[in-house]
Amino acid sequence: MELFNKFLNMEKQGEKGAVRYLLKTYKNEYHVEDKELYASYLLNVLCNDEKALGLACKIIIHEYNTKRVELDEYFYNAIINKLEYEIKKKHDLEIVWLVYLLIYTDFQITQDLIKIII
């Protein structure tokens, strides 16, 4: 979490791409004590940095599959809201990444959501 905080502060201070750099250099070697907080950091990046959305999705999927993060109802609600926003904006790549995230984290996609996506 300290590492995320440092890179988020760098980004706030004008270092463009700092968080994206952190995600690109990600290795599954970090020790995570608070899985909810870790998932929140990744969700924050996913929702607030369009260029890092794909990287964040990829890491979340990996962390979920290795049981290093737990995704709850609030997490999925945020993802659905982000997906609906990207659909309205017609950002196809972001839509694909978010659907991919939902599928590979075992989220049960409803018929209503499928209609919205289509």
PDB file of N, CA and C in Angstrom:
ATOM      1  N   MET A   1       0.830  -1.188   0.000  1.00  0.00           N
ATOM      2  CA  MET A   1       0.000   0.000   0.000  1.00  0.00           C
ATOM      3  C   MET A   1       0.871   1.246   0.000  1.00  0.00           C
ATOM      4  N   GLU A   2       2.006   1.168   0.678  1.00  0.00           N
ATOM      5  CA  GLU A   2       2.915   2.307   0.703  1.00  0.00           C
ATOM      6  C   GLU A   2       3.415   2.626  -0.701  1.00  0.00           C
ATOM      7  N   LEU A   3       3.675   1.587  -1.461  1.00  0.00           N
ATOM      8  CA  LEU A   3       4.155   1.773  -2.823  1.00  0.00           C
ATOM      9  C   LEU A   3       3.096   2.472  -3.675  1.00  0.00           C
ATOM     10  N   PHE A   4       1.841   2.031  -3.572  1.00  0.00           N
ATOM     11  CA  PHE A   4       0.761   2.685  -4.295  1.00  0.00           C
ATOM     12  C   PHE A   4       0.649   4.141  -3.879  1.00  0.00           C
ATOM     13  N   ASN A   5       0.716   4.397  -2.584  1.00  0.00           N
ATOM     14  CA  ASN A   5       0.611   5.769  -2.092  1.00  0.00           C
ATOM     15  C   ASN A   5       1.711   6.654  -2.663  1.00  0.00           C
ATOM     16  N   LYS A   6       2.934   6.152  -2.719  1.00  0.00           N
ATOM     17  CA  LYS A   6       4.049   6.930  -3.262  1.00  0.00           C
ATOM     18  C   LYS A   6       3.812   7.273  -4.728  1.00  0.00           C
ATOM     19  N   PHE A   7       3.372   6.300  -5.491  1.00  0.00           N
ATOM     20  CA  PHE A   7       3.151   6.544  -6.917  1.00  0.00           C
ATOM     21  C   PHE A   7       1.928   7.423  -7.160  1.00  0.00           C
ATOM     22  N   LEU A   8       0.901   7.284  -6.333  1.00  0.00           N
ATOM     23  CA  LEU A   8      -0.263   8.172  -6.445  1.00  0.00           C
ATOM     24  C   LEU A   8       0.124   9.608  -6.118  1.00  0.00           C
ATOM     25  N   ASN A   9       0.974   9.793  -5.112  1.00  0.00           N
ATOM     26  CA  ASN A   9       1.457  11.140  -4.777  1.00  0.00           C
ATOM     27  C   ASN A   9       2.304  11.718  -5.896  1.00  0.00           C
ATOM     28  N   MET A  10       3.131  10.889  -6.500  1.00  0.00           N
ATOM     29  CA  MET A  10       3.932  11.355  -7.637  1.00  0.00           C
ATOM     30  C   MET A  10       3.024  11.833  -8.766  1.00  0.00           C
ATOM     31  N   GLU A  11       1.977  11.072  -9.019  1.00  0.00           N
ATOM     32  CA  GLU A  11       1.019  11.435 -10.077  1.00  0.00           C
ATOM     33  C   GLU A  11       0.346  12.762  -9.739  1.00  0.00           C
ATOM     34  N   LYS A  12      -0.053  12.942  -8.486  1.00  0.00           N
ATOM     35  CA  LYS A  12      -0.701  14.186  -8.059  1.00  0.00           C
ATOM     36  C   LYS A  12       0.239  15.382  -8.196  1.00  0.00           C
ATOM     37  N   GLN A  13       1.535  15.144  -8.020  1.00  0.00           N
ATOM     38  CA  GLN A  13       2.520  16.215  -8.097  1.00  0.00           C
ATOM     39  C   GLN A  13       2.949  16.508  -9.531  1.00  0.00           C
ATOM     40  N   GLY A  14       2.303  15.849 -10.485  1.00  0.00           N
ATOM     41  CA  GLY A  14       2.565  16.163 -11.890  1.00  0.00           C
ATOM     42  C   GLY A  14       3.371  15.146 -12.660  1.00  0.00           C
ATOM     43  N   GLU A  15       3.795  14.068 -12.040  1.00  0.00           N
ATOM     44  CA  GLU A  15       4.514  13.009 -12.736  1.00  0.00           C
ATOM     45  C   GLU A  15       3.525  12.173 -13.521  1.00  0.00           C
ATOM     46  N   LYS A  16       3.258  12.575 -14.741  1.00  0.00           N
ATOM     47  CA  LYS A  16       2.277  11.844 -15.539  1.00  0.00           C
ATOM     48  C   LYS A  16       2.767  10.430 -15.833  1.00  0.00           C
ATOM     49  N   GLY A  17       1.854   9.476 -15.673  1.00  0.00           N
ATOM     50  CA  GLY A  17       2.163   8.095 -15.984  1.00  0.00           C
ATOM     51  C   GLY A  17       2.830   7.327 -14.855  1.00  0.00           C
ATOM     52  N   ALA A  18       2.950   7.926 -13.677  1.00  0.00           N
ATOM     53  CA  ALA A  18       3.623   7.233 -12.567  1.00  0.00           C
ATOM     54  C   ALA A  18       2.878   5.964 -12.169  1.00  0.00           C
ATOM     55  N   VAL A  19       1.572   6.061 -12.017  1.00  0.00           N
ATOM     56  CA  VAL A  19       0.784   4.893 -11.615  1.00  0.00           C
ATOM     57  C   VAL A  19       0.804   3.838 -12.711  1.00  0.00           C
ATOM     58  N   ARG A  20       0.716   4.277 -13.945  1.00  0.00           N
ATOM     59  CA  ARG A  20       0.765   3.343 -15.069  1.00  0.00           C
ATOM     60  C   ARG A  20       2.110   2.608 -15.089  1.00  0.00           C
ATOM     61  N   TYR A  21       3.174   3.325 -14.775  1.00  0.00           N
ATOM     62  CA  TYR A  21       4.496   2.699 -14.702  1.00  0.00           C
ATOM     63  C   TYR A  21       4.523   1.634 -13.611  1.00  0.00           C
ATOM     64  N   LEU A  22       3.937   1.953 -12.454  1.00  0.00           N
ATOM     65  CA  LEU A  22       3.870   0.985 -11.360  1.00  0.00           C
ATOM     66  C   LEU A  22       3.142  -0.274 -11.809  1.00  0.00           C
ATOM     67  N   LEU A  23       2.031  -0.108 -12.501  1.00  0.00           N
ATOM     68  CA  LEU A  23       1.262  -1.269 -12.959  1.00  0.00           C
ATOM     69  C   LEU A  23       2.021  -2.067 -14.016  1.00  0.00           C
ATOM     70  N   LYS A  24       2.751  -1.374 -14.896  1.00  0.00           N
ATOM     71  CA  LYS A  24       3.512  -2.084 -15.930  1.00  0.00           C
ATOM     72  C   LYS A  24       4.637  -2.917 -15.339  1.00  0.00           C
ATOM     73  N   THR A  25       5.189  -2.451 -14.230  1.00  0.00           N
ATOM     74  CA  THR A  25       6.305  -3.170 -13.625  1.00  0.00           C
ATOM     75  C   THR A  25       5.842  -4.132 -12.544  1.00  0.00           C
ATOM     76  N   TYR A  26       4.547  -4.337 -12.441  1.00  0.00           N
ATOM     77  CA  TYR A  26       3.951  -5.198 -11.424  1.00  0.00           C
ATOM     78  C   TYR A  26       4.503  -6.615 -11.492  1.00  0.00           C
ATOM     79  N   LYS A  27       4.824  -7.130 -10.343  1.00  0.00           N
ATOM     80  CA  LYS A  27       5.209  -8.531 -10.203  1.00  0.00           C
ATOM     81  C   LYS A  27       4.436  -9.074  -9.026  1.00  0.00           C
ATOM     82  N   ASN A  28       4.128 -10.330  -9.052  1.00  0.00           N
ATOM     83  CA  ASN A  28       3.349 -10.955  -7.983  1.00  0.00           C
ATOM     84  C   ASN A  28       4.249 -11.265  -6.783  1.00  0.00           C
ATOM     85  N   GLU A  29       5.007 -10.267  -6.351  1.00  0.00           N
ATOM     86  CA  GLU A  29       5.917 -10.471  -5.226  1.00  0.00           C
ATOM     87  C   GLU A  29       5.535  -9.607  -4.024  1.00  0.00           C
ATOM     88  N   TYR A  30       4.498  -8.808  -4.155  1.00  0.00           N
ATOM     89  CA  TYR A  30       4.107  -7.929  -3.062  1.00  0.00           C
ATOM     90  C   TYR A  30       3.358  -8.720  -2.001  1.00  0.00           C
ATOM     91  N   HIS A  31       3.658  -8.432  -0.756  1.00  0.00           N
ATOM     92  CA  HIS A  31       2.931  -9.042   0.356  1.00  0.00           C
ATOM     93  C   HIS A  31       1.756  -8.124   0.693  1.00  0.00           C
ATOM     94  N   VAL A  32       0.554  -8.657   0.605  1.00  0.00           N
ATOM     95  CA  VAL A  32      -0.651  -7.863   0.832  1.00  0.00           C
ATOM     96  C   VAL A  32      -1.335  -8.348   2.101  1.00  0.00           C
ATOM     97  N   GLU A  33      -1.395  -7.467   3.093  1.00  0.00           N
ATOM     98  CA  GLU A  33      -2.070  -7.822   4.334  1.00  0.00           C
ATOM     99  C   GLU A  33      -3.555  -7.505   4.274  1.00  0.00           C
ATOM    100  N   ASP A  34      -3.901  -6.351   3.756  1.00  0.00           N
ATOM    101  CA  ASP A  34      -5.296  -5.912   3.701  1.00  0.00           C
ATOM    102  C   ASP A  34      -5.802  -6.065   2.261  1.00  0.00           C
ATOM    103  N   LYS A  35      -6.440  -7.189   1.985  1.00  0.00           N
ATOM    104  CA  LYS A  35      -6.881  -7.494   0.628  1.00  0.00           C
ATOM    105  C   LYS A  35      -7.958  -6.537   0.139  1.00  0.00           C
ATOM    106  N   GLU A  36      -8.838  -6.099   1.038  1.00  0.00           N
ATOM    107  CA  GLU A  36      -9.888  -5.155   0.636  1.00  0.00           C
ATOM    108  C   GLU A  36      -9.295  -3.828   0.217  1.00  0.00           C
ATOM    109  N   LEU A  37      -8.324  -3.337   0.973  1.00  0.00           N
ATOM    110  CA  LEU A  37      -7.681  -2.072   0.644  1.00  0.00           C
ATOM    111  C   LEU A  37      -6.928  -2.181  -0.675  1.00  0.00           C
ATOM    112  N   TYR A  38      -6.254  -3.289  -0.888  1.00  0.00           N
ATOM    113  CA  TYR A  38      -5.525  -3.530  -2.128  1.00  0.00           C
ATOM    114  C   TYR A  38      -6.484  -3.508  -3.323  1.00  0.00           C
ATOM    115  N   ALA A  39      -7.622  -4.201  -3.188  1.00  0.00           N
ATOM    116  CA  ALA A  39      -8.620  -4.201  -4.255  1.00  0.00           C
ATOM    117  C   ALA A  39      -9.151  -2.783  -4.485  1.00  0.00           C
ATOM    118  N   SER A  40      -9.297  -2.011  -3.417  1.00  0.00           N
ATOM    119  CA  SER A  40      -9.769  -0.630  -3.546  1.00  0.00           C
ATOM    120  C   SER A  40      -8.772   0.231  -4.309  1.00  0.00           C
ATOM    121  N   TYR A  41      -7.484   0.048  -4.043  1.00  0.00           N
ATOM    122  CA  TYR A  41      -6.460   0.792  -4.781  1.00  0.00           C
ATOM    123  C   TYR A  41      -6.535   0.469  -6.273  1.00  0.00           C
ATOM    124  N   LEU A  42      -6.631  -0.817  -6.570  1.00  0.00           N
ATOM    125  CA  LEU A  42      -6.709  -1.221  -7.973  1.00  0.00           C
ATOM    126  C   LEU A  42      -7.979  -0.686  -8.629  1.00  0.00           C
ATOM    127  N   LEU A  43      -9.086  -0.703  -7.899  1.00  0.00           N
ATOM    128  CA  LEU A  43     -10.344  -0.167  -8.412  1.00  0.00           C
ATOM    129  C   LEU A  43     -10.225   1.335  -8.645  1.00  0.00           C
ATOM    130  N   ASN A  44      -9.559   2.029  -7.743  1.00  0.00           N
ATOM    131  CA  ASN A  44      -9.342   3.463  -7.889  1.00  0.00           C
ATOM    132  C   ASN A  44      -8.574   3.771  -9.171  1.00  0.00           C
ATOM    133  N   VAL A  45      -7.527   3.020  -9.424  1.00  0.00           N
ATOM    134  CA  VAL A  45      -6.747   3.211 -10.657  1.00  0.00           C
ATOM    135  C   VAL A  45      -7.618   2.911 -11.869  1.00  0.00           C
ATOM    136  N   LEU A  46      -8.349   1.812 -11.807  1.00  0.00           N
ATOM    137  CA  LEU A  46      -9.211   1.396 -12.906  1.00  0.00           C
ATOM    138  C   LEU A  46     -10.227   2.489 -13.262  1.00  0.00           C
ATOM    139  N   CYS A  47     -10.809   3.103 -12.251  1.00  0.00           N
ATOM    140  CA  CYS A  47     -11.865   4.093 -12.479  1.00  0.00           C
ATOM    141  C   CYS A  47     -11.344   5.480 -12.817  1.00  0.00           C
ATOM    142  N   ASN A  48     -10.120   5.790 -12.436  1.00  0.00           N
ATOM    143  CA  ASN A  48      -9.645   7.166 -12.574  1.00  0.00           C
ATOM    144  C   ASN A  48      -8.518   7.367 -13.578  1.00  0.00           C
ATOM    145  N   ASP A  49      -8.011   6.315 -14.156  1.00  0.00           N
ATOM    146  CA  ASP A  49      -6.909   6.452 -15.116  1.00  0.00           C
ATOM    147  C   ASP A  49      -7.231   5.615 -16.349  1.00  0.00           C
ATOM    148  N   GLU A  50      -7.837   6.267 -17.333  1.00  0.00           N
ATOM    149  CA  GLU A  50      -8.273   5.571 -18.554  1.00  0.00           C
ATOM    150  C   GLU A  50      -7.136   4.785 -19.213  1.00  0.00           C
ATOM    151  N   LYS A  51      -5.935   5.352 -19.203  1.00  0.00           N
ATOM    152  CA  LYS A  51      -4.818   4.686 -19.866  1.00  0.00           C
ATOM    153  C   LYS A  51      -4.343   3.453 -19.119  1.00  0.00           C
ATOM    154  N   ALA A  52      -4.626   3.386 -17.820  1.00  0.00           N
ATOM    155  CA  ALA A  52      -4.184   2.253 -17.015  1.00  0.00           C
ATOM    156  C   ALA A  52      -5.296   1.239 -16.779  1.00  0.00           C
ATOM    157  N   LEU A  53      -6.481   1.470 -17.338  1.00  0.00           N
ATOM    158  CA  LEU A  53      -7.621   0.596 -17.103  1.00  0.00           C
ATOM    159  C   LEU A  53      -7.312  -0.850 -17.464  1.00  0.00           C
ATOM    160  N   GLY A  54      -6.758  -1.098 -18.614  1.00  0.00           N
ATOM    161  CA  GLY A  54      -6.446  -2.456 -19.054  1.00  0.00           C
ATOM    162  C   GLY A  54      -5.440  -3.139 -18.151  1.00  0.00           C
ATOM    163  N   LEU A  55      -4.406  -2.405 -17.761  1.00  0.00           N
ATOM    164  CA  LEU A  55      -3.406  -2.965 -16.845  1.00  0.00           C
ATOM    165  C   LEU A  55      -4.024  -3.297 -15.499  1.00  0.00           C
ATOM    166  N   ALA A  56      -4.869  -2.408 -14.996  1.00  0.00           N
ATOM    167  CA  ALA A  56      -5.524  -2.653 -13.707  1.00  0.00           C
ATOM    168  C   ALA A  56      -6.427  -3.885 -13.791  1.00  0.00           C
ATOM    169  N   CYS A  57      -7.178  -4.017 -14.879  1.00  0.00           N
ATOM    170  CA  CYS A  57      -8.044  -5.190 -15.060  1.00  0.00           C
ATOM    171  C   CYS A  57      -7.221  -6.473 -15.057  1.00  0.00           C
ATOM    172  N   LYS A  58      -6.127  -6.453 -15.781  1.00  0.00           N
ATOM    173  CA  LYS A  58      -5.259  -7.628 -15.874  1.00  0.00           C
ATOM    174  C   LYS A  58      -4.732  -8.022 -14.490  1.00  0.00           C
ATOM    175  N   ILE A  59      -4.311  -7.045 -13.709  1.00  0.00           N
ATOM    176  CA  ILE A  59      -3.780  -7.330 -12.370  1.00  0.00           C
ATOM    177  C   ILE A  59      -4.881  -7.828 -11.446  1.00  0.00           C
ATOM    178  N   ILE A  60      -6.057  -7.202 -11.507  1.00  0.00           N
ATOM    179  CA  ILE A  60      -7.175  -7.632 -10.664  1.00  0.00           C
ATOM    180  C   ILE A  60      -7.537  -9.087 -10.963  1.00  0.00           C
ATOM    181  N   ILE A  61      -7.606  -9.439 -12.230  1.00  0.00           N
ATOM    182  CA  ILE A  61      -7.919 -10.820 -12.612  1.00  0.00           C
ATOM    183  C   ILE A  61      -6.868 -11.774 -12.051  1.00  0.00           C
ATOM    184  N   HIS A  62      -5.616 -11.417 -12.212  1.00  0.00           N
ATOM    185  CA  HIS A  62      -4.535 -12.268 -11.705  1.00  0.00           C
ATOM    186  C   HIS A  62      -4.617 -12.403 -10.191  1.00  0.00           C
ATOM    187  N   GLU A  63      -4.807 -11.293  -9.510  1.00  0.00           N
ATOM    188  CA  GLU A  63      -4.875 -11.309  -8.047  1.00  0.00           C
ATOM    189  C   GLU A  63      -6.103 -12.086  -7.564  1.00  0.00           C
ATOM    190  N   TYR A  64      -7.199 -11.976  -8.275  1.00  0.00           N
ATOM    191  CA  TYR A  64      -8.411 -12.714  -7.921  1.00  0.00           C
ATOM    192  C   TYR A  64      -8.188 -14.219  -8.086  1.00  0.00           C
ATOM    193  N   ASN A  65      -7.592 -14.606  -9.202  1.00  0.00           N
ATOM    194  CA  ASN A  65      -7.378 -16.026  -9.477  1.00  0.00           C
ATOM    195  C   ASN A  65      -6.381 -16.671  -8.525  1.00  0.00           C
ATOM    196  N   THR A  66      -5.482 -15.881  -7.960  1.00  0.00           N
ATOM    197  CA  THR A  66      -4.519 -16.412  -6.995  1.00  0.00           C
ATOM    198  C   THR A  66      -4.990 -16.193  -5.558  1.00  0.00           C
ATOM    199  N   LYS A  67      -6.241 -15.732  -5.426  1.00  0.00           N
ATOM    200  CA  LYS A  67      -6.874 -15.531  -4.105  1.00  0.00           C
ATOM    201  C   LYS A  67      -6.165 -14.470  -3.258  1.00  0.00           C
ATOM    202  N   ARG A  68      -5.521 -13.503  -3.915  1.00  0.00           N
ATOM    203  CA  ARG A  68      -4.834 -12.437  -3.180  1.00  0.00           C
ATOM    204  C   ARG A  68      -5.729 -11.226  -2.947  1.00  0.00           C
ATOM    205  N   VAL A  69      -6.837 -11.138  -3.671  1.00  0.00           N
ATOM    206  CA  VAL A  69      -7.824 -10.092  -3.417  1.00  0.00           C
ATOM    207  C   VAL A  69      -9.202 -10.728  -3.353  1.00  0.00           C
ATOM    208  N   GLU A  70     -10.052 -10.081  -2.589  1.00  0.00           N
ATOM    209  CA  GLU A  70     -11.433 -10.510  -2.493  1.00  0.00           C
ATOM    210  C   GLU A  70     -12.299  -9.395  -3.060  1.00  0.00           C
ATOM    211  N   LEU A  71     -13.200  -9.755  -3.938  1.00  0.00           N
ATOM    212  CA  LEU A  71     -14.050  -8.769  -4.596  1.00  0.00           C
ATOM    213  C   LEU A  71     -15.460  -8.900  -4.047  1.00  0.00           C
ATOM    214  N   ASP A  72     -15.997  -7.797  -3.568  1.00  0.00           N
ATOM    215  CA  ASP A  72     -17.313  -7.837  -2.945  1.00  0.00           C
ATOM    216  C   ASP A  72     -18.348  -7.117  -3.803  1.00  0.00           C
ATOM    217  N   GLU A  73     -19.533  -7.024  -3.287  1.00  0.00           N
ATOM    218  CA  GLU A  73     -20.650  -6.398  -4.000  1.00  0.00           C
ATOM    219  C   GLU A  73     -20.354  -4.940  -4.357  1.00  0.00           C
ATOM    220  N   TYR A  74     -19.707  -4.221  -3.457  1.00  0.00           N
ATOM    221  CA  TYR A  74     -19.387  -2.808  -3.708  1.00  0.00           C
ATOM    222  C   TYR A  74     -18.396  -2.666  -4.853  1.00  0.00           C
ATOM    223  N   PHE A  75     -17.429  -3.580  -4.898  1.00  0.00           N
ATOM    224  CA  PHE A  75     -16.458  -3.581  -5.981  1.00  0.00           C
ATOM    225  C   PHE A  75     -17.167  -3.777  -7.319  1.00  0.00           C
ATOM    226  N   TYR A  76     -18.030  -4.803  -7.371  1.00  0.00           N
ATOM    227  CA  TYR A  76     -18.726  -5.088  -8.618  1.00  0.00           C
ATOM    228  C   TYR A  76     -19.696  -3.972  -8.996  1.00  0.00           C
ATOM    229  N   ASN A  77     -20.332  -3.332  -8.034  1.00  0.00           N
ATOM    230  CA  ASN A  77     -21.209  -2.194  -8.338  1.00  0.00           C
ATOM    231  C   ASN A  77     -20.419  -1.072  -8.999  1.00  0.00           C
ATOM    232  N   ALA A  78     -19.218  -0.819  -8.497  1.00  0.00           N
ATOM    233  CA  ALA A  78     -18.367   0.214  -9.099  1.00  0.00           C
ATOM    234  C   ALA A  78     -17.979  -0.174 -10.522  1.00  0.00           C
ATOM    235  N   ILE A  79     -17.686  -1.444 -10.745  1.00  0.00           N
ATOM    236  CA  ILE A  79     -17.317  -1.912 -12.087  1.00  0.00           C
ATOM    237  C   ILE A  79     -18.504  -1.778 -13.033  1.00  0.00           C
ATOM    238  N   ILE A  80     -19.688  -2.139 -12.583  1.00  0.00           N
ATOM    239  CA  ILE A  80     -20.888  -2.022 -13.427  1.00  0.00           C
ATOM    240  C   ILE A  80     -21.151  -0.562 -13.759  1.00  0.00           C
ATOM    241  N   ASN A  81     -21.022   0.320 -12.783  1.00  0.00           N
ATOM    242  CA  ASN A  81     -21.202   1.757 -13.046  1.00  0.00           C
ATOM    243  C   ASN A  81     -20.182   2.265 -14.055  1.00  0.00           C
ATOM    244  N   LYS A  82     -18.940   1.832 -13.911  1.00  0.00           N
ATOM    245  CA  LYS A  82     -17.889   2.218 -14.857  1.00  0.00           C
ATOM    246  C   LYS A  82     -18.202   1.665 -16.245  1.00  0.00           C
ATOM    247  N   LEU A  83     -18.667   0.434 -16.309  1.00  0.00           N
ATOM    248  CA  LEU A  83     -19.027  -0.177 -17.588  1.00  0.00           C
ATOM    249  C   LEU A  83     -20.150   0.604 -18.263  1.00  0.00           C
ATOM    250  N   GLU A  84     -21.180   0.957 -17.515  1.00  0.00           N
ATOM    251  CA  GLU A  84     -22.291   1.729 -18.081  1.00  0.00           C
ATOM    252  C   GLU A  84     -21.820   3.089 -18.579  1.00  0.00           C
ATOM    253  N   TYR A  85     -20.903   3.712 -17.845  1.00  0.00           N
ATOM    254  CA  TYR A  85     -20.332   4.996 -18.269  1.00  0.00           C
ATOM    255  C   TYR A  85     -19.569   4.838 -19.586  1.00  0.00           C
ATOM    256  N   GLU A  86     -18.743   3.803 -19.671  1.00  0.00           N
ATOM    257  CA  GLU A  86     -17.949   3.577 -20.885  1.00  0.00           C
ATOM    258  C   GLU A  86     -18.846   3.226 -22.070  1.00  0.00           C
ATOM    259  N   ILE A  87     -19.947   2.544 -21.816  1.00  0.00           N
ATOM    260  CA  ILE A  87     -20.902   2.242 -22.888  1.00  0.00           C
ATOM    261  C   ILE A  87     -21.516   3.533 -23.414  1.00  0.00           C
ATOM    262  N   LYS A  88     -21.914   4.425 -22.521  1.00  0.00           N
ATOM    263  CA  LYS A  88     -22.482   5.718 -22.937  1.00  0.00           C
ATOM    264  C   LYS A  88     -21.483   6.533 -23.749  1.00  0.00           C
ATOM    265  N   LYS A  89     -20.206   6.449 -23.363  1.00  0.00           N
ATOM    266  CA  LYS A  89     -19.152   7.198 -24.062  1.00  0.00           C
ATOM    267  C   LYS A  89     -18.663   6.481 -25.316  1.00  0.00           C
ATOM    268  N   LYS A  90     -19.134   5.240 -25.516  1.00  0.00           N
ATOM    269  CA  LYS A  90     -18.752   4.419 -26.672  1.00  0.00           C
ATOM    270  C   LYS A  90     -17.245   4.166 -26.735  1.00  0.00           C
ATOM    271  N   HIS A  91     -16.666   3.875 -25.578  1.00  0.00           N
ATOM    272  CA  HIS A  91     -15.247   3.538 -25.482  1.00  0.00           C
ATOM    273  C   HIS A  91     -15.107   2.024 -25.549  1.00  0.00           C
ATOM    274  N   ASP A  92     -14.993   1.525 -26.771  1.00  0.00           N
ATOM    275  CA  ASP A  92     -15.035   0.083 -27.014  1.00  0.00           C
ATOM    276  C   ASP A  92     -13.958  -0.706 -26.275  1.00  0.00           C
ATOM    277  N   LEU A  93     -12.723  -0.242 -26.280  1.00  0.00           N
ATOM    278  CA  LEU A  93     -11.649  -0.989 -25.639  1.00  0.00           C
ATOM    279  C   LEU A  93     -11.887  -1.110 -24.134  1.00  0.00           C
ATOM    280  N   GLU A  94     -12.327  -0.036 -23.512  1.00  0.00           N
ATOM    281  CA  GLU A  94     -12.613  -0.069 -22.077  1.00  0.00           C
ATOM    282  C   GLU A  94     -13.770  -1.016 -21.771  1.00  0.00           C
ATOM    283  N   ILE A  95     -14.776  -1.025 -22.647  1.00  0.00           N
ATOM    284  CA  ILE A  95     -15.915  -1.937 -22.481  1.00  0.00           C
ATOM    285  C   ILE A  95     -15.434  -3.382 -22.523  1.00  0.00           C
ATOM    286  N   VAL A  96     -14.601  -3.703 -23.490  1.00  0.00           N
ATOM    287  CA  VAL A  96     -14.081  -5.063 -23.626  1.00  0.00           C
ATOM    288  C   VAL A  96     -13.301  -5.458 -22.371  1.00  0.00           C
ATOM    289  N   TRP A  97     -12.435  -4.571 -21.884  1.00  0.00           N
ATOM    290  CA  TRP A  97     -11.653  -4.876 -20.689  1.00  0.00           C
ATOM    291  C   TRP A  97     -12.545  -5.110 -19.479  1.00  0.00           C
ATOM    292  N   LEU A  98     -13.562  -4.279 -19.307  1.00  0.00           N
ATOM    293  CA  LEU A  98     -14.438  -4.410 -18.144  1.00  0.00           C
ATOM    294  C   LEU A  98     -15.277  -5.690 -18.211  1.00  0.00           C
ATOM    295  N   VAL A  99     -15.753  -6.038 -19.390  1.00  0.00           N
ATOM    296  CA  VAL A  99     -16.493  -7.293 -19.552  1.00  0.00           C
ATOM    297  C   VAL A  99     -15.557  -8.477 -19.287  1.00  0.00           C
ATOM    298  N   TYR A 100     -14.354  -8.396 -19.814  1.00  0.00           N
ATOM    299  CA  TYR A 100     -13.342  -9.423 -19.580  1.00  0.00           C
ATOM    300  C   TYR A 100     -13.096  -9.581 -18.081  1.00  0.00           C
ATOM    301  N   LEU A 101     -12.987  -8.459 -17.371  1.00  0.00           N
ATOM    302  CA  LEU A 101     -12.797  -8.489 -15.920  1.00  0.00           C
ATOM    303  C   LEU A 101     -13.950  -9.194 -15.226  1.00  0.00           C
ATOM    304  N   LEU A 102     -15.169  -8.858 -15.607  1.00  0.00           N
ATOM    305  CA  LEU A 102     -16.335  -9.484 -14.988  1.00  0.00           C
ATOM    306  C   LEU A 102     -16.359 -10.992 -15.232  1.00  0.00           C
ATOM    307  N   ILE A 103     -16.084 -11.378 -16.450  1.00  0.00           N
ATOM    308  CA  ILE A 103     -16.118 -12.801 -16.799  1.00  0.00           C
ATOM    309  C   ILE A 103     -15.053 -13.578 -16.031  1.00  0.00           C
ATOM    310  N   TYR A 104     -13.833 -13.058 -15.988  1.00  0.00           N
ATOM    311  CA  TYR A 104     -12.726 -13.800 -15.388  1.00  0.00           C
ATOM    312  C   TYR A 104     -12.595 -13.632 -13.879  1.00  0.00           C
ATOM    313  N   THR A 105     -13.565 -12.931 -13.263  1.00  0.00           N
ATOM    314  CA  THR A 105     -13.628 -12.898 -11.799  1.00  0.00           C
ATOM    315  C   THR A 105     -14.923 -13.547 -11.331  1.00  0.00           C
ATOM    316  N   ASP A 106     -15.491 -14.361 -12.204  1.00  0.00           N
ATOM    317  CA  ASP A 106     -16.659 -15.190 -11.878  1.00  0.00           C
ATOM    318  C   ASP A 106     -17.910 -14.390 -11.516  1.00  0.00           C
ATOM    319  N   PHE A 107     -18.023 -13.193 -12.039  1.00  0.00           N
ATOM    320  CA  PHE A 107     -19.225 -12.391 -11.813  1.00  0.00           C
ATOM    321  C   PHE A 107     -20.355 -12.941 -12.677  1.00  0.00           C
ATOM    322  N   GLN A 108     -21.537 -13.063 -12.101  1.00  0.00           N
ATOM    323  CA  GLN A 108     -22.697 -13.548 -12.840  1.00  0.00           C
ATOM    324  C   GLN A 108     -23.339 -12.383 -13.583  1.00  0.00           C
ATOM    325  N   ILE A 109     -23.096 -12.310 -14.878  1.00  0.00           N
ATOM    326  CA  ILE A 109     -23.631 -11.227 -15.698  1.00  0.00           C
ATOM    327  C   ILE A 109     -25.107 -11.490 -15.956  1.00  0.00           C
ATOM    328  N   THR A 110     -25.926 -10.509 -15.641  1.00  0.00           N
ATOM    329  CA  THR A 110     -27.379 -10.652 -15.796  1.00  0.00           C
ATOM    330  C   THR A 110     -27.790 -10.397 -17.242  1.00  0.00           C
ATOM    331  N   GLN A 111     -29.017 -10.829 -17.559  1.00  0.00           N
ATOM    332  CA  GLN A 111     -29.586 -10.572 -18.893  1.00  0.00           C
ATOM    333  C   GLN A 111     -29.697  -9.074 -19.136  1.00  0.00           C
ATOM    334  N   ASP A 112     -30.068  -8.311 -18.102  1.00  0.00           N
ATOM    335  CA  ASP A 112     -30.201  -6.863 -18.250  1.00  0.00           C
ATOM    336  C   ASP A 112     -28.857  -6.225 -18.619  1.00  0.00           C
ATOM    337  N   LEU A 113     -27.802  -6.677 -17.978  1.00  0.00           N
ATOM    338  CA  LEU A 113     -26.474  -6.134 -18.280  1.00  0.00           C
ATOM    339  C   LEU A 113     -26.049  -6.516 -19.697  1.00  0.00           C
ATOM    340  N   ILE A 114     -26.370  -7.723 -20.108  1.00  0.00           N
ATOM    341  CA  ILE A 114     -26.043  -8.150 -21.479  1.00  0.00           C
ATOM    342  C   ILE A 114     -26.743  -7.245 -22.486  1.00  0.00           C
ATOM    343  N   LYS A 115     -28.010  -6.922 -22.223  1.00  0.00           N
ATOM    344  CA  LYS A 115     -28.751  -6.018 -23.102  1.00  0.00           C
ATOM    345  C   LYS A 115     -28.103  -4.650 -23.181  1.00  0.00           C
ATOM    346  N   ILE A 116     -27.656  -4.146 -22.038  1.00  0.00           N
ATOM    347  CA  ILE A 116     -26.993  -2.832 -22.010  1.00  0.00           C
ATOM    348  C   ILE A 116     -25.700  -2.873 -22.816  1.00  0.00           C
ATOM    349  N   ILE A 117     -24.944  -3.956 -22.669  1.00  0.00           N
ATOM    350  CA  ILE A 117     -23.675  -4.095 -23.392  1.00  0.00           C
ATOM    351  C   ILE A 117     -23.915  -4.155 -24.887  1.00  0.00           C
ATOM    352  N   ILE A 118     -24.885  -4.933 -25.289  1.00  0.00           N
ATOM    353  CA  ILE A 118     -25.188  -5.095 -26.721  1.00  0.00           C
ATOM    354  C   ILE A 118     -25.729  -3.801 -27.266  1.00  0.00           C
TER     355      ILE A 118
END
